[in-house]
Amino acid sequence: MPADSIEDYQKTVQSEDEEVPLADGGKTPVQSRCVLHFFIILAVFVLELFYIRSRKKKQLRYFAIEEASAHMR
């Protein structure tokens, strides 16, 4: 008897969960968009870091040239 009731319960739960978006293990469009947005933000952050580093190197070179030319005057 208990096995029958467990099977009935599993059938009931499974049939009710079929309409629930996350119960079947699939991703909803919202989740996939969140992951996409995360990677876009991460890529922009990395690009910004490289841009800042390159600008800093250019600025240091510019100041070095300015300092060298000031000493030559």
C-alpha atoms as a PDB file:
ATOM      1  CA  MET A   1       0.000   0.000   0.000  1.00  0.00           C
ATOM      2  CA  PRO A   2       2.639   2.635   0.862  1.00  0.00           C
ATOM      3  CA  ALA A   3       4.408   2.028  -2.449  1.00  0.00           C
ATOM      4  CA  ASP A   4       1.191   2.776  -4.307  1.00  0.00           C
ATOM      5  CA  SER A   5       0.684   6.008  -2.429  1.00  0.00           C
ATOM      6  CA  ILE A   6       4.305   7.065  -3.099  1.00  0.00           C
ATOM      7  CA  GLU A   7       3.864   6.412  -6.809  1.00  0.00           C
ATOM      8  CA  ASP A   8       0.595   8.338  -6.839  1.00  0.00           C
ATOM      9  CA  TYR A   9       2.273  11.203  -5.013  1.00  0.00           C
ATOM     10  CA  GLN A  10       5.203  11.240  -7.480  1.00  0.00           C
ATOM     11  CA  LYS A  11       2.811  11.268 -10.436  1.00  0.00           C
ATOM     12  CA  THR A  12       0.862  14.122  -8.889  1.00  0.00           C
ATOM     13  CA  VAL A  13       3.973  16.164  -8.112  1.00  0.00           C
ATOM     14  CA  GLN A  14       5.494  15.546 -11.524  1.00  0.00           C
ATOM     15  CA  SER A  15       2.325  16.427 -13.377  1.00  0.00           C
ATOM     16  CA  GLU A  16       1.923  19.643 -11.370  1.00  0.00           C
ATOM     17  CA  ASP A  17       5.563  20.627 -11.891  1.00  0.00           C
ATOM     18  CA  GLU A  18       5.474  20.350 -15.668  1.00  0.00           C
ATOM     19  CA  GLU A  19       4.129  23.890 -15.959  1.00  0.00           C
ATOM     20  CA  VAL A  20       6.687  25.349 -13.540  1.00  0.00           C
ATOM     21  CA  PRO A  21       9.591  26.832 -15.568  1.00  0.00           C
ATOM     22  CA  LEU A  22      12.428  25.772 -13.248  1.00  0.00           C
ATOM     23  CA  ALA A  23      11.092  22.359 -12.232  1.00  0.00           C
ATOM     24  CA  ASP A  24      12.145  20.707 -15.478  1.00  0.00           C
ATOM     25  CA  GLY A  25      15.754  21.851 -15.055  1.00  0.00           C
ATOM     26  CA  GLY A  26      15.696  24.178 -18.057  1.00  0.00           C
ATOM     27  CA  LYS A  27      16.800  27.768 -17.909  1.00  0.00           C
ATOM     28  CA  THR A  28      14.331  30.554 -18.255  1.00  0.00           C
ATOM     29  CA  PRO A  29      15.132  33.361 -20.689  1.00  0.00           C
ATOM     30  CA  VAL A  30      15.662  35.668 -17.714  1.00  0.00           C
ATOM     31  CA  GLN A  31      18.446  33.483 -16.320  1.00  0.00           C
ATOM     32  CA  SER A  32      20.262  33.254 -19.636  1.00  0.00           C
ATOM     33  CA  ARG A  33      20.006  37.021 -20.067  1.00  0.00           C
ATOM     34  CA  CYS A  34      21.458  37.526 -16.582  1.00  0.00           C
ATOM     35  CA  VAL A  35      24.442  35.357 -17.467  1.00  0.00           C
ATOM     36  CA  LEU A  36      24.858  37.230 -20.757  1.00  0.00           C
ATOM     37  CA  HIS A  37      24.731  40.595 -18.989  1.00  0.00           C
ATOM     38  CA  PHE A  38      27.275  39.390 -16.447  1.00  0.00           C
ATOM     39  CA  PHE A  39      29.729  38.438 -19.188  1.00  0.00           C
ATOM     40  CA  ILE A  40      29.142  41.711 -21.038  1.00  0.00           C
ATOM     41  CA  ILE A  41      29.827  43.714 -17.875  1.00  0.00           C
ATOM     42  CA  LEU A  42      32.903  41.604 -17.146  1.00  0.00           C
ATOM     43  CA  ALA A  43      34.242  42.154 -20.685  1.00  0.00           C
ATOM     44  CA  VAL A  44      33.674  45.911 -20.454  1.00  0.00           C
ATOM     45  CA  PHE A  45      35.421  45.985 -17.077  1.00  0.00           C
ATOM     46  CA  VAL A  46      38.454  44.129 -18.453  1.00  0.00           C
ATOM     47  CA  LEU A  47      38.607  46.429 -21.504  1.00  0.00           C
ATOM     48  CA  GLU A  48      38.409  49.459 -19.239  1.00  0.00           C
ATOM     49  CA  LEU A  49      41.282  48.149 -17.129  1.00  0.00           C
ATOM     50  CA  PHE A  50      43.461  47.698 -20.215  1.00  0.00           C
ATOM     51  CA  TYR A  51      42.489  51.173 -21.456  1.00  0.00           C
ATOM     52  CA  ILE A  52      43.355  52.768 -18.110  1.00  0.00           C
ATOM     53  CA  ARG A  53      46.703  50.972 -17.988  1.00  0.00           C
ATOM     54  CA  SER A  54      47.615  52.050 -21.520  1.00  0.00           C
ATOM     55  CA  ARG A  55      46.607  55.672 -20.803  1.00  0.00           C
ATOM     56  CA  LYS A  56      48.676  55.638 -17.616  1.00  0.00           C
ATOM     57  CA  LYS A  57      51.729  54.368 -19.522  1.00  0.00           C
ATOM     58  CA  LYS A  58      51.267  57.107 -22.146  1.00  0.00           C
ATOM     59  CA  GLN A  59      50.891  59.710 -19.427  1.00  0.00           C
ATOM     60  CA  LEU A  60      54.048  58.539 -17.651  1.00  0.00           C
ATOM     61  CA  ARG A  61      55.970  58.663 -20.949  1.00  0.00           C
ATOM     62  CA  TYR A  62      54.649  62.168 -21.619  1.00  0.00           C
ATOM     63  CA  PHE A  63      55.714  63.374 -18.161  1.00  0.00           C
ATOM     64  CA  ALA A  64      59.137  61.769 -18.598  1.00  0.00           C
ATOM     65  CA  ILE A  65      59.603  63.599 -21.913  1.00  0.00           C
ATOM     66  CA  GLU A  66      58.400  66.878 -20.381  1.00  0.00           C
ATOM     67  CA  GLU A  67      60.756  66.453 -17.435  1.00  0.00           C
ATOM     68  CA  ALA A  68      63.679  65.642 -19.720  1.00  0.00           C
ATOM     69  CA  SER A  69      62.991  68.660 -21.896  1.00  0.00           C
ATOM     70  CA  ALA A  70      62.697  70.894 -18.810  1.00  0.00           C
ATOM     71  CA  HIS A  71      66.144  69.776 -17.654  1.00  0.00           C
ATOM     72  CA  MET A  72      67.652  70.500 -21.068  1.00  0.00           C
ATOM     73  CA  ARG A  73      66.501  74.141 -21.052  1.00  0.00           C
END
